[in-house]
PDB file of N, CA and C in Angstrom:
ATOM      1  N   MET A   1      -7.212  27.456  39.140  1.00  0.00           N
ATOM      2  CA  MET A   1      -7.318  26.695  37.916  1.00  0.00           C
ATOM      3  C   MET A   1      -6.168  25.682  37.856  1.00  0.00           C
ATOM      4  N   GLU A   2      -6.483  24.478  37.475  1.00  0.00           N
ATOM      5  CA  GLU A   2      -5.501  23.411  37.418  1.00  0.00           C
ATOM      6  C   GLU A   2      -4.602  23.569  36.198  1.00  0.00           C
ATOM      7  N   GLN A   3      -3.284  23.368  36.395  1.00  0.00           N
ATOM      8  CA  GLN A   3      -2.321  23.465  35.305  1.00  0.00           C
ATOM      9  C   GLN A   3      -2.391  22.197  34.449  1.00  0.00           C
ATOM     10  N   PRO A   4      -2.288  22.325  33.129  1.00  0.00           N
ATOM     11  CA  PRO A   4      -2.284  21.125  32.284  1.00  0.00           C
ATOM     12  C   PRO A   4      -1.011  20.322  32.526  1.00  0.00           C
ATOM     13  N   ALA A   5      -1.115  19.017  32.341  1.00  0.00           N
ATOM     14  CA  ALA A   5       0.053  18.149  32.509  1.00  0.00           C
ATOM     15  C   ALA A   5       1.115  18.502  31.475  1.00  0.00           C
ATOM     16  N   GLU A   6       2.369  18.373  31.870  1.00  0.00           N
ATOM     17  CA  GLU A   6       3.474  18.665  30.958  1.00  0.00           C
ATOM     18  C   GLU A   6       3.472  17.653  29.816  1.00  0.00           C
ATOM     19  N   MET A   7       3.596  18.163  28.601  1.00  0.00           N
ATOM     20  CA  MET A   7       3.641  17.295  27.435  1.00  0.00           C
ATOM     21  C   MET A   7       5.037  16.695  27.321  1.00  0.00           C
ATOM     22  N   ASN A   8       5.126  15.425  27.018  1.00  0.00           N
ATOM     23  CA  ASN A   8       6.403  14.752  26.820  1.00  0.00           C
ATOM     24  C   ASN A   8       6.619  14.516  25.335  1.00  0.00           C
ATOM     25  N   THR A   9       7.852  14.686  24.928  1.00  0.00           N
ATOM     26  CA  THR A   9       8.193  14.422  23.538  1.00  0.00           C
ATOM     27  C   THR A   9       8.680  12.982  23.406  1.00  0.00           C
ATOM     28  N   LEU A  10       8.749  12.514  22.190  1.00  0.00           N
ATOM     29  CA  LEU A  10       9.265  11.182  21.912  1.00  0.00           C
ATOM     30  C   LEU A  10      10.667  11.030  22.489  1.00  0.00           C
ATOM     31  N   SER A  11      11.526  12.004  22.255  1.00  0.00           N
ATOM     32  CA  SER A  11      12.903  11.902  22.744  1.00  0.00           C
ATOM     33  C   SER A  11      12.962  11.922  24.266  1.00  0.00           C
ATOM     34  N   GLN A  12      12.060  12.674  24.937  1.00  0.00           N
ATOM     35  CA  GLN A  12      12.039  12.692  26.402  1.00  0.00           C
ATOM     36  C   GLN A  12      11.642  11.321  26.956  1.00  0.00           C
ATOM     37  N   ILE A  13      10.657  10.691  26.351  1.00  0.00           N
ATOM     38  CA  ILE A  13      10.226   9.368  26.811  1.00  0.00           C
ATOM     39  C   ILE A  13      11.336   8.345  26.582  1.00  0.00           C
ATOM     40  N   LEU A  14      11.973   8.384  25.423  1.00  0.00           N
ATOM     41  CA  LEU A  14      13.066   7.449  25.152  1.00  0.00           C
ATOM     42  C   LEU A  14      14.229   7.658  26.125  1.00  0.00           C
ATOM     43  N   GLU A  15      14.510   8.899  26.476  1.00  0.00           N
ATOM     44  CA  GLU A  15      15.576   9.187  27.434  1.00  0.00           C
ATOM     45  C   GLU A  15      15.205   8.682  28.834  1.00  0.00           C
ATOM     46  N   LYS A  16      13.946   8.857  29.243  1.00  0.00           N
ATOM     47  CA  LYS A  16      13.505   8.342  30.540  1.00  0.00           C
ATOM     48  C   LYS A  16      13.623   6.817  30.582  1.00  0.00           C
ATOM     49  N   LEU A  17      13.243   6.165  29.491  1.00  0.00           N
ATOM     50  CA  LEU A  17      13.388   4.711  29.421  1.00  0.00           C
ATOM     51  C   LEU A  17      14.854   4.310  29.560  1.00  0.00           C
ATOM     52  N   ARG A  18      15.739   5.004  28.846  1.00  0.00           N
ATOM     53  CA  ARG A  18      17.169   4.703  28.905  1.00  0.00           C
ATOM     54  C   ARG A  18      17.709   4.876  30.318  1.00  0.00           C
ATOM     55  N   GLN A  19      17.327   5.968  30.985  1.00  0.00           N
ATOM     56  CA  GLN A  19      17.796   6.236  32.343  1.00  0.00           C
ATOM     57  C   GLN A  19      17.354   5.151  33.325  1.00  0.00           C
ATOM     58  N   LYS A  20      16.181   4.578  33.089  1.00  0.00           N
ATOM     59  CA  LYS A  20      15.670   3.509  33.953  1.00  0.00           C
ATOM     60  C   LYS A  20      16.231   2.136  33.577  1.00  0.00           C
ATOM     61  N   GLY A  21      17.022   2.071  32.502  1.00  0.00           N
ATOM     62  CA  GLY A  21      17.564   0.801  32.052  1.00  0.00           C
ATOM     63  C   GLY A  21      16.609   0.005  31.191  1.00  0.00           C
ATOM     64  N   TYR A  22      15.552   0.664  30.696  1.00  0.00           N
ATOM     65  CA  TYR A  22      14.557   0.011  29.859  1.00  0.00           C
ATOM     66  C   TYR A  22      14.827   0.339  28.393  1.00  0.00           C
ATOM     67  N   ASP A  23      16.030   0.045  27.937  1.00  0.00           N
ATOM     68  CA  ASP A  23      16.429   0.456  26.592  1.00  0.00           C
ATOM     69  C   ASP A  23      16.535  -0.707  25.612  1.00  0.00           C
ATOM     70  N   ASN A  24      15.817  -1.777  25.893  1.00  0.00           N
ATOM     71  CA  ASN A  24      15.789  -2.913  24.986  1.00  0.00           C
ATOM     72  C   ASN A  24      14.698  -2.668  23.948  1.00  0.00           C
ATOM     73  N   GLU A  25      15.102  -2.216  22.765  1.00  0.00           N
ATOM     74  CA  GLU A  25      14.127  -1.947  21.706  1.00  0.00           C
ATOM     75  C   GLU A  25      13.844  -3.216  20.926  1.00  0.00           C
ATOM     76  N   LEU A  26      12.568  -3.502  20.741  1.00  0.00           N
ATOM     77  CA  LEU A  26      12.150  -4.664  19.970  1.00  0.00           C
ATOM     78  C   LEU A  26      11.838  -4.244  18.542  1.00  0.00           C
ATOM     79  N   THR A  27      12.281  -5.052  17.600  1.00  0.00           N
ATOM     80  CA  THR A  27      11.971  -4.816  16.192  1.00  0.00           C
ATOM     81  C   THR A  27      11.508  -6.130  15.568  1.00  0.00           C
ATOM     82  N   MET A  28      10.732  -6.000  14.513  1.00  0.00           N
ATOM     83  CA  MET A  28      10.179  -7.151  13.810  1.00  0.00           C
ATOM     84  C   MET A  28      11.268  -7.822  12.991  1.00  0.00           C
ATOM     85  N   THR A  29      11.345  -9.139  13.123  1.00  0.00           N
ATOM     86  CA  THR A  29      12.295  -9.907  12.323  1.00  0.00           C
ATOM     87  C   THR A  29      11.638 -10.312  11.011  1.00  0.00           C
ATOM     88  N   GLU A  30      12.427 -10.773  10.095  1.00  0.00           N
ATOM     89  CA  GLU A  30      11.903 -11.209   8.796  1.00  0.00           C
ATOM     90  C   GLU A  30      10.948 -12.387   8.928  1.00  0.00           C
ATOM     91  N   ASP A  31      11.089 -13.177  10.005  1.00  0.00           N
ATOM     92  CA  ASP A  31      10.199 -14.332  10.183  1.00  0.00           C
ATOM     93  C   ASP A  31       8.984 -14.017  11.051  1.00  0.00           C
ATOM     94  N   GLY A  32       8.703 -12.718  11.292  1.00  0.00           N
ATOM     95  CA  GLY A  32       7.472 -12.320  11.954  1.00  0.00           C
ATOM     96  C   GLY A  32       7.473 -12.389  13.462  1.00  0.00           C
ATOM     97  N   LYS A  33       8.648 -12.336  14.070  1.00  0.00           N
ATOM     98  CA  LYS A  33       8.754 -12.306  15.532  1.00  0.00           C
ATOM     99  C   LYS A  33       9.386 -10.978  15.942  1.00  0.00           C
ATOM    100  N   MET A  34       9.433 -10.709  17.238  1.00  0.00           N
ATOM    101  CA  MET A  34      10.108  -9.523  17.745  1.00  0.00           C
ATOM    102  C   MET A  34      11.426  -9.942  18.383  1.00  0.00           C
ATOM    103  N   LYS A  35      12.455  -9.120  18.166  1.00  0.00           N
ATOM    104  CA  LYS A  35      13.778  -9.406  18.726  1.00  0.00           C
ATOM    105  C   LYS A  35      14.306  -8.148  19.393  1.00  0.00           C
ATOM    106  N   GLY A  36      14.923  -8.331  20.560  1.00  0.00           N
ATOM    107  CA  GLY A  36      15.490  -7.211  21.298  1.00  0.00           C
ATOM    108  C   GLY A  36      16.876  -6.844  20.821  1.00  0.00           C
ATOM    109  N   ASN A  37      17.235  -5.559  20.993  1.00  0.00           N
ATOM    110  CA  ASN A  37      18.579  -5.131  20.616  1.00  0.00           C
ATOM    111  C   ASN A  37      19.553  -5.224  21.796  1.00  0.00           C
ATOM    112  N   LYS A  38      19.065  -5.347  23.028  1.00  0.00           N
ATOM    113  CA  LYS A  38      19.928  -5.463  24.212  1.00  0.00           C
ATOM    114  C   LYS A  38      19.803  -6.841  24.852  1.00  0.00           C
ATOM    115  N   ILE A  39      18.585  -7.356  24.904  1.00  0.00           N
ATOM    116  CA  ILE A  39      18.347  -8.695  25.436  1.00  0.00           C
ATOM    117  C   ILE A  39      18.211  -9.625  24.238  1.00  0.00           C
ATOM    118  N   ASP A  40      19.083 -10.606  24.152  1.00  0.00           N
ATOM    119  CA  ASP A  40      19.120 -11.490  22.991  1.00  0.00           C
ATOM    120  C   ASP A  40      18.034 -12.561  23.099  1.00  0.00           C
ATOM    121  N   LYS A  41      16.800 -12.113  22.885  1.00  0.00           N
ATOM    122  CA  LYS A  41      15.659 -13.018  22.905  1.00  0.00           C
ATOM    123  C   LYS A  41      14.766 -12.694  21.721  1.00  0.00           C
ATOM    124  N   THR A  42      14.059 -13.704  21.255  1.00  0.00           N
ATOM    125  CA  THR A  42      13.074 -13.535  20.199  1.00  0.00           C
ATOM    126  C   THR A  42      11.713 -13.856  20.814  1.00  0.00           C
ATOM    127  N   TYR A  43      10.714 -13.019  20.481  1.00  0.00           N
ATOM    128  CA  TYR A  43       9.413 -13.120  21.123  1.00  0.00           C
ATOM    129  C   TYR A  43       8.286 -13.395  20.143  1.00  0.00           C
ATOM    130  N   ASP A  44       7.350 -14.216  20.592  1.00  0.00           N
ATOM    131  CA  ASP A  44       6.041 -14.355  19.964  1.00  0.00           C
ATOM    132  C   ASP A  44       5.098 -13.426  20.724  1.00  0.00           C
ATOM    133  N   PRO A  45       3.922 -13.099  20.177  1.00  0.00           N
ATOM    134  CA  PRO A  45       3.000 -12.177  20.868  1.00  0.00           C
ATOM    135  C   PRO A  45       2.637 -12.627  22.286  1.00  0.00           C
ATOM    136  N   GLU A  46       2.471 -13.925  22.498  1.00  0.00           N
ATOM    137  CA  GLU A  46       2.067 -14.420  23.812  1.00  0.00           C
ATOM    138  C   GLU A  46       3.171 -14.300  24.869  1.00  0.00           C
ATOM    139  N   ASP A  47       4.388 -13.964  24.447  1.00  0.00           N
ATOM    140  CA  ASP A  47       5.501 -13.767  25.380  1.00  0.00           C
ATOM    141  C   ASP A  47       5.532 -12.353  25.951  1.00  0.00           C
ATOM    142  N   LEU A  48       4.679 -11.459  25.430  1.00  0.00           N
ATOM    143  CA  LEU A  48       4.735 -10.037  25.765  1.00  0.00           C
ATOM    144  C   LEU A  48       3.397  -9.516  26.275  1.00  0.00           C
ATOM    145  N   THR A  49       3.475  -8.428  27.056  1.00  0.00           N
ATOM    146  CA  THR A  49       2.289  -7.697  27.500  1.00  0.00           C
ATOM    147  C   THR A  49       2.567  -6.212  27.343  1.00  0.00           C
ATOM    148  N   ILE A  50       1.665  -5.489  26.708  1.00  0.00           N
ATOM    149  CA  ILE A  50       1.799  -4.032  26.597  1.00  0.00           C
ATOM    150  C   ILE A  50       1.364  -3.430  27.924  1.00  0.00           C
ATOM    151  N   ILE A  51       2.260  -2.651  28.546  1.00  0.00           N
ATOM    152  CA  ILE A  51       1.946  -2.073  29.847  1.00  0.00           C
ATOM    153  C   ILE A  51       1.717  -0.561  29.792  1.00  0.00           C
ATOM    154  N   LYS A  52       2.117   0.064  28.697  1.00  0.00           N
ATOM    155  CA  LYS A  52       1.885   1.510  28.543  1.00  0.00           C
ATOM    156  C   LYS A  52       2.067   1.856  27.076  1.00  0.00           C
ATOM    157  N   THR A  53       1.292   2.844  26.610  1.00  0.00           N
ATOM    158  CA  THR A  53       1.395   3.315  25.234  1.00  0.00           C
ATOM    159  C   THR A  53       1.491   4.829  25.234  1.00  0.00           C
ATOM    160  N   TYR A  54       2.403   5.361  24.453  1.00  0.00           N
ATOM    161  CA  TYR A  54       2.531   6.806  24.241  1.00  0.00           C
ATOM    162  C   TYR A  54       2.332   7.084  22.759  1.00  0.00           C
ATOM    163  N   ARG A  55       1.490   8.046  22.450  1.00  0.00           N
ATOM    164  CA  ARG A  55       1.264   8.459  21.058  1.00  0.00           C
ATOM    165  C   ARG A  55       1.726   9.893  20.883  1.00  0.00           C
ATOM    166  N   PHE A  56       2.360  10.148  19.763  1.00  0.00           N
ATOM    167  CA  PHE A  56       2.878  11.475  19.459  1.00  0.00           C
ATOM    168  C   PHE A  56       2.377  11.881  18.085  1.00  0.00           C
ATOM    169  N   GLU A  57       1.821  13.085  17.988  1.00  0.00           N
ATOM    170  CA  GLU A  57       1.287  13.563  16.714  1.00  0.00           C
ATOM    171  C   GLU A  57       1.987  14.850  16.316  1.00  0.00           C
ATOM    172  N   GLY A  58       2.484  14.875  15.083  1.00  0.00           N
ATOM    173  CA  GLY A  58       3.123  16.072  14.558  1.00  0.00           C
ATOM    174  C   GLY A  58       2.087  17.136  14.252  1.00  0.00           C
ATOM    175  N   HIS A  59       2.500  18.392  14.270  1.00  0.00           N
ATOM    176  CA  HIS A  59       1.565  19.489  14.038  1.00  0.00           C
ATOM    177  C   HIS A  59       1.087  19.578  12.593  1.00  0.00           C
ATOM    178  N   SER A  60       1.970  19.275  11.640  1.00  0.00           N
ATOM    179  CA  SER A  60       1.563  19.454  10.251  1.00  0.00           C
ATOM    180  C   SER A  60       1.930  18.289   9.333  1.00  0.00           C
ATOM    181  N   ASP A  61       2.859  17.464   9.734  1.00  0.00           N
ATOM    182  CA  ASP A  61       3.350  16.398   8.868  1.00  0.00           C
ATOM    183  C   ASP A  61       2.931  15.035   9.421  1.00  0.00           C
ATOM    184  N   PRO A  62       2.108  14.278   8.677  1.00  0.00           N
ATOM    185  CA  PRO A  62       1.708  12.947   9.158  1.00  0.00           C
ATOM    186  C   PRO A  62       2.898  12.031   9.405  1.00  0.00           C
ATOM    187  N   GLY A  63       4.029  12.305   8.769  1.00  0.00           N
ATOM    188  CA  GLY A  63       5.233  11.521   8.990  1.00  0.00           C
ATOM    189  C   GLY A  63       5.807  11.709  10.377  1.00  0.00           C
ATOM    190  N   ASP A  64       5.332  12.727  11.110  1.00  0.00           N
ATOM    191  CA  ASP A  64       5.793  12.975  12.473  1.00  0.00           C
ATOM    192  C   ASP A  64       4.998  12.194  13.509  1.00  0.00           C
ATOM    193  N   ASN A  65       3.979  11.453  13.094  1.00  0.00           N
ATOM    194  CA  ASN A  65       3.166  10.685  14.028  1.00  0.00           C
ATOM    195  C   ASN A  65       3.900   9.412  14.422  1.00  0.00           C
ATOM    196  N   ALA A  66       3.976   9.162  15.734  1.00  0.00           N
ATOM    197  CA  ALA A  66       4.699   7.990  16.220  1.00  0.00           C
ATOM    198  C   ALA A  66       4.006   7.423  17.448  1.00  0.00           C
ATOM    199  N   VAL A  67       4.387   6.208  17.782  1.00  0.00           N
ATOM    200  CA  VAL A  67       3.864   5.547  18.975  1.00  0.00           C
ATOM    201  C   VAL A  67       5.005   4.764  19.625  1.00  0.00           C
ATOM    202  N   ILE A  68       4.987   4.733  20.959  1.00  0.00           N
ATOM    203  CA  ILE A  68       5.896   3.880  21.715  1.00  0.00           C
ATOM    204  C   ILE A  68       5.034   2.949  22.552  1.00  0.00           C
ATOM    205  N   TYR A  69       5.287   1.657  22.408  1.00  0.00           N
ATOM    206  CA  TYR A  69       4.645   0.651  23.243  1.00  0.00           C
ATOM    207  C   TYR A  69       5.683   0.189  24.259  1.00  0.00           C
ATOM    208  N   ILE A  70       5.362   0.262  25.532  1.00  0.00           N
ATOM    209  CA  ILE A  70       6.243  -0.265  26.569  1.00  0.00           C
ATOM    210  C   ILE A  70       5.685  -1.625  26.950  1.00  0.00           C
ATOM    211  N   LEU A  71       6.549  -2.633  26.947  1.00  0.00           N
ATOM    212  CA  LEU A  71       6.121  -4.004  27.156  1.00  0.00           C
ATOM    213  C   LEU A  71       6.954  -4.684  28.225  1.00  0.00           C
ATOM    214  N   LYS A  72       6.396  -5.734  28.782  1.00  0.00           N
ATOM    215  CA  LYS A  72       7.185  -6.624  29.633  1.00  0.00           C
ATOM    216  C   LYS A  72       7.068  -8.018  29.046  1.00  0.00           C
ATOM    217  N   ASP A  73       8.118  -8.801  29.241  1.00  0.00           N
ATOM    218  CA  ASP A  73       8.072 -10.179  28.762  1.00  0.00           C
ATOM    219  C   ASP A  73       7.699 -11.097  29.924  1.00  0.00           C
ATOM    220  N   ASN A  74       7.670 -12.387  29.676  1.00  0.00           N
ATOM    221  CA  ASN A  74       7.280 -13.355  30.701  1.00  0.00           C
ATOM    222  C   ASN A  74       8.247 -13.406  31.880  1.00  0.00           C
ATOM    223  N   GLU A  75       9.442 -12.852  31.710  1.00  0.00           N
ATOM    224  CA  GLU A  75      10.429 -12.811  32.794  1.00  0.00           C
ATOM    225  C   GLU A  75      10.499 -11.434  33.443  1.00  0.00           C
ATOM    226  N   GLU A  76       9.505 -10.574  33.153  1.00  0.00           N
ATOM    227  CA  GLU A  76       9.387  -9.218  33.722  1.00  0.00           C
ATOM    228  C   GLU A  76      10.413  -8.221  33.179  1.00  0.00           C
ATOM    229  N   ASN A  77      11.121  -8.559  32.095  1.00  0.00           N
ATOM    230  CA  ASN A  77      12.021  -7.602  31.449  1.00  0.00           C
ATOM    231  C   ASN A  77      11.183  -6.551  30.731  1.00  0.00           C
ATOM    232  N   ILE A  78      11.570  -5.286  30.852  1.00  0.00           N
ATOM    233  CA  ILE A  78      10.861  -4.191  30.199  1.00  0.00           C
ATOM    234  C   ILE A  78      11.564  -3.853  28.890  1.00  0.00           C
ATOM    235  N   SER A  79      10.780  -3.713  27.836  1.00  0.00           N
ATOM    236  CA  SER A  79      11.278  -3.362  26.509  1.00  0.00           C
ATOM    237  C   SER A  79      10.335  -2.347  25.898  1.00  0.00           C
ATOM    238  N   PHE A  80      10.673  -1.879  24.707  1.00  0.00           N
ATOM    239  CA  PHE A  80       9.765  -0.976  24.011  1.00  0.00           C
ATOM    240  C   PHE A  80       9.814  -1.220  22.518  1.00  0.00           C
ATOM    241  N   ILE A  81       8.713  -0.837  21.872  1.00  0.00           N
ATOM    242  CA  ILE A  81       8.625  -0.823  20.420  1.00  0.00           C
ATOM    243  C   ILE A  81       8.312   0.613  20.038  1.00  0.00           C
ATOM    244  N   SER A  82       9.084   1.157  19.125  1.00  0.00           N
ATOM    245  CA  SER A  82       8.869   2.516  18.625  1.00  0.00           C
ATOM    246  C   SER A  82       8.540   2.419  17.150  1.00  0.00           C
ATOM    247  N   ASP A  83       7.493   3.140  16.737  1.00  0.00           N
ATOM    248  CA  ASP A  83       7.113   3.053  15.338  1.00  0.00           C
ATOM    249  C   ASP A  83       6.318   4.281  14.921  1.00  0.00           C
ATOM    250  N   ALA A  84       6.329   4.547  13.626  1.00  0.00           N
ATOM    251  CA  ALA A  84       5.481   5.592  13.042  1.00  0.00           C
ATOM    252  C   ALA A  84       4.118   4.978  12.780  1.00  0.00           C
ATOM    253  N   TYR A  85       3.108   5.811  12.624  1.00  0.00           N
ATOM    254  CA  TYR A  85       1.755   5.316  12.354  1.00  0.00           C
ATOM    255  C   TYR A  85       1.604   4.823  10.926  1.00  0.00           C
ATOM    256  N   GLY A  86       0.780   3.788  10.770  1.00  0.00           N
ATOM    257  CA  GLY A  86       0.278   3.343   9.471  1.00  0.00           C
ATOM    258  C   GLY A  86       1.307   3.153   8.391  1.00  0.00           C
ATOM    259  N   MET A  87       1.057   3.803   7.256  1.00  0.00           N
ATOM    260  CA  MET A  87       1.912   3.590   6.085  1.00  0.00           C
ATOM    261  C   MET A  87       3.326   4.125   6.279  1.00  0.00           C
ATOM    262  N   TYR A  88       3.554   4.918   7.335  1.00  0.00           N
ATOM    263  CA  TYR A  88       4.885   5.444   7.613  1.00  0.00           C
ATOM    264  C   TYR A  88       5.693   4.506   8.491  1.00  0.00           C
ATOM    265  N   SER A  89       5.132   3.357   8.817  1.00  0.00           N
ATOM    266  CA  SER A  89       5.790   2.391   9.682  1.00  0.00           C
ATOM    267  C   SER A  89       7.158   2.015   9.126  1.00  0.00           C
ATOM    268  N   GLU A  90       8.108   1.896  10.032  1.00  0.00           N
ATOM    269  CA  GLU A  90       9.467   1.521   9.629  1.00  0.00           C
ATOM    270  C   GLU A  90       9.815   0.103  10.056  1.00  0.00           C
ATOM    271  N   GLN A  91       8.835  -0.633  10.590  1.00  0.00           N
ATOM    272  CA  GLN A  91       9.093  -1.999  11.026  1.00  0.00           C
ATOM    273  C   GLN A  91       9.266  -2.908   9.818  1.00  0.00           C
ATOM    274  N   LYS A  92      10.288  -3.753   9.879  1.00  0.00           N
ATOM    275  CA  LYS A  92      10.548  -4.714   8.806  1.00  0.00           C
ATOM    276  C   LYS A  92       9.674  -5.939   9.004  1.00  0.00           C
ATOM    277  N   GLY A  93       9.550  -6.688   7.971  1.00  0.00           N
ATOM    278  CA  GLY A  93       8.828  -7.947   8.072  1.00  0.00           C
ATOM    279  C   GLY A  93       7.342  -7.767   7.862  1.00  0.00           C
ATOM    280  N   GLU A  94       6.708  -8.847   7.559  1.00  0.00           N
ATOM    281  CA  GLU A  94       5.267  -8.855   7.323  1.00  0.00           C
ATOM    282  C   GLU A  94       4.535  -9.056   8.647  1.00  0.00           C
ATOM    283  N   GLY A  95       3.371  -8.482   8.770  1.00  0.00           N
ATOM    284  CA  GLY A  95       2.517  -8.795   9.892  1.00  0.00           C
ATOM    285  C   GLY A  95       2.750  -8.016  11.175  1.00  0.00           C
ATOM    286  N   PHE A  96       3.397  -6.857  11.101  1.00  0.00           N
ATOM    287  CA  PHE A  96       3.658  -6.067  12.308  1.00  0.00           C
ATOM    288  C   PHE A  96       2.364  -5.716  13.032  1.00  0.00           C
ATOM    289  N   ASP A  97       1.381  -5.186  12.310  1.00  0.00           N
ATOM    290  CA  ASP A  97       0.110  -4.796  12.934  1.00  0.00           C
ATOM    291  C   ASP A  97      -0.610  -6.005  13.536  1.00  0.00           C
ATOM    292  N   GLU A  98      -0.597  -7.122  12.834  1.00  0.00           N
ATOM    293  CA  GLU A  98      -1.239  -8.334  13.356  1.00  0.00           C
ATOM    294  C   GLU A  98      -0.529  -8.829  14.614  1.00  0.00           C
ATOM    295  N   PHE A  99       0.793  -8.746  14.631  1.00  0.00           N
ATOM    296  CA  PHE A  99       1.563  -9.139  15.813  1.00  0.00           C
ATOM    297  C   PHE A  99       1.136  -8.292  17.007  1.00  0.00           C
ATOM    298  N   LEU A 100       1.055  -6.968  16.819  1.00  0.00           N
ATOM    299  CA  LEU A 100       0.663  -6.071  17.911  1.00  0.00           C
ATOM    300  C   LEU A 100      -0.733  -6.387  18.434  1.00  0.00           C
ATOM    301  N   LYS A 101      -1.653  -6.687  17.540  1.00  0.00           N
ATOM    302  CA  LYS A 101      -3.029  -6.993  17.945  1.00  0.00           C
ATOM    303  C   LYS A 101      -3.103  -8.234  18.825  1.00  0.00           C
ATOM    304  N   LYS A 102      -2.155  -9.136  18.682  1.00  0.00           N
ATOM    305  CA  LYS A 102      -2.154 -10.385  19.448  1.00  0.00           C
ATOM    306  C   LYS A 102      -1.510 -10.246  20.828  1.00  0.00           C
ATOM    307  N   ILE A 103      -0.817  -9.138  21.094  1.00  0.00           N
ATOM    308  CA  ILE A 103      -0.168  -8.943  22.392  1.00  0.00           C
ATOM    309  C   ILE A 103      -1.215  -8.539  23.427  1.00  0.00           C
ATOM    310  N   ASN A 104      -1.198  -9.189  24.579  1.00  0.00           N
ATOM    311  CA  ASN A 104      -2.095  -8.815  25.671  1.00  0.00           C
ATOM    312  C   ASN A 104      -1.755  -7.413  26.158  1.00  0.00           C
ATOM    313  N   THR A 105      -2.765  -6.717  26.669  1.00  0.00           N
ATOM    314  CA  THR A 105      -2.584  -5.390  27.232  1.00  0.00           C
ATOM    315  C   THR A 105      -2.881  -5.453  28.721  1.00  0.00           C
ATOM    316  N   ALA A 106      -1.954  -4.954  29.539  1.00  0.00           N
ATOM    317  CA  ALA A 106      -2.137  -4.957  30.989  1.00  0.00           C
ATOM    318  C   ALA A 106      -3.221  -3.968  31.374  1.00  0.00           C
ATOM    319  N   ASP A 107      -3.975  -4.301  32.385  1.00  0.00           N
ATOM    320  CA  ASP A 107      -5.028  -3.430  32.886  1.00  0.00           C
ATOM    321  C   ASP A 107      -4.567  -2.807  34.208  1.00  0.00           C
ATOM    322  N   ARG A 108      -3.526  -1.961  34.118  1.00  0.00           N
ATOM    323  CA  ARG A 108      -3.027  -1.288  35.312  1.00  0.00           C
ATOM    324  C   ARG A 108      -2.264  -0.034  34.920  1.00  0.00           C
ATOM    325  N   ASP A 109      -2.094   0.830  35.870  1.00  0.00           N
ATOM    326  CA  ASP A 109      -1.387   2.087  35.646  1.00  0.00           C
ATOM    327  C   ASP A 109       0.103   1.858  35.858  1.00  0.00           C
ATOM    328  N   MET A 110       0.914   2.241  34.897  1.00  0.00           N
ATOM    329  CA  MET A 110       2.355   2.027  35.002  1.00  0.00           C
ATOM    330  C   MET A 110       3.101   3.327  35.251  1.00  0.00           C
ATOM    331  N   GLN A 111       2.495   4.280  35.941  1.00  0.00           N
ATOM    332  CA  GLN A 111       3.154   5.543  36.245  1.00  0.00           C
ATOM    333  C   GLN A 111       4.467   5.321  36.990  1.00  0.00           C
ATOM    334  N   GLU A 112       4.553   4.231  37.757  1.00  0.00           N
ATOM    335  CA  GLU A 112       5.775   4.003  38.535  1.00  0.00           C
ATOM    336  C   GLU A 112       7.012   3.796  37.663  1.00  0.00           C
ATOM    337  N   LEU A 113       6.834   3.600  36.352  1.00  0.00           N
ATOM    338  CA  LEU A 113       7.986   3.523  35.456  1.00  0.00           C
ATOM    339  C   LEU A 113       8.803   4.807  35.522  1.00  0.00           C
ATOM    340  N   PHE A 114       8.112   5.928  35.695  1.00  0.00           N
ATOM    341  CA  PHE A 114       8.776   7.215  35.698  1.00  0.00           C
ATOM    342  C   PHE A 114       8.549   7.893  37.011  1.00  0.00           C
TER     343      PHE A 114
END
């Protein structure tokens, strides 16, 4: 019988990203763009591509639901966006969901990140 894949926690994924040097977290600015905390760049949706998504669901509290989007920019820099689902979102600024919908999604497996 095949063993189930090991479940990763939010903190484990964030630690793996940090170890690989992919610790540039993007957050929404007040003017509706994304800005990195390590790479001093501001991004429009067309500057980014989502290359992997991780979803985490809490057992009993909807506030424990989170998602991590791993992205690359036009210069191949890897960054991430971390957020709670829906109304629990902690992203500042208007239009976070619309911004995400406009980002292209890569059609490839990014297992090599880890």
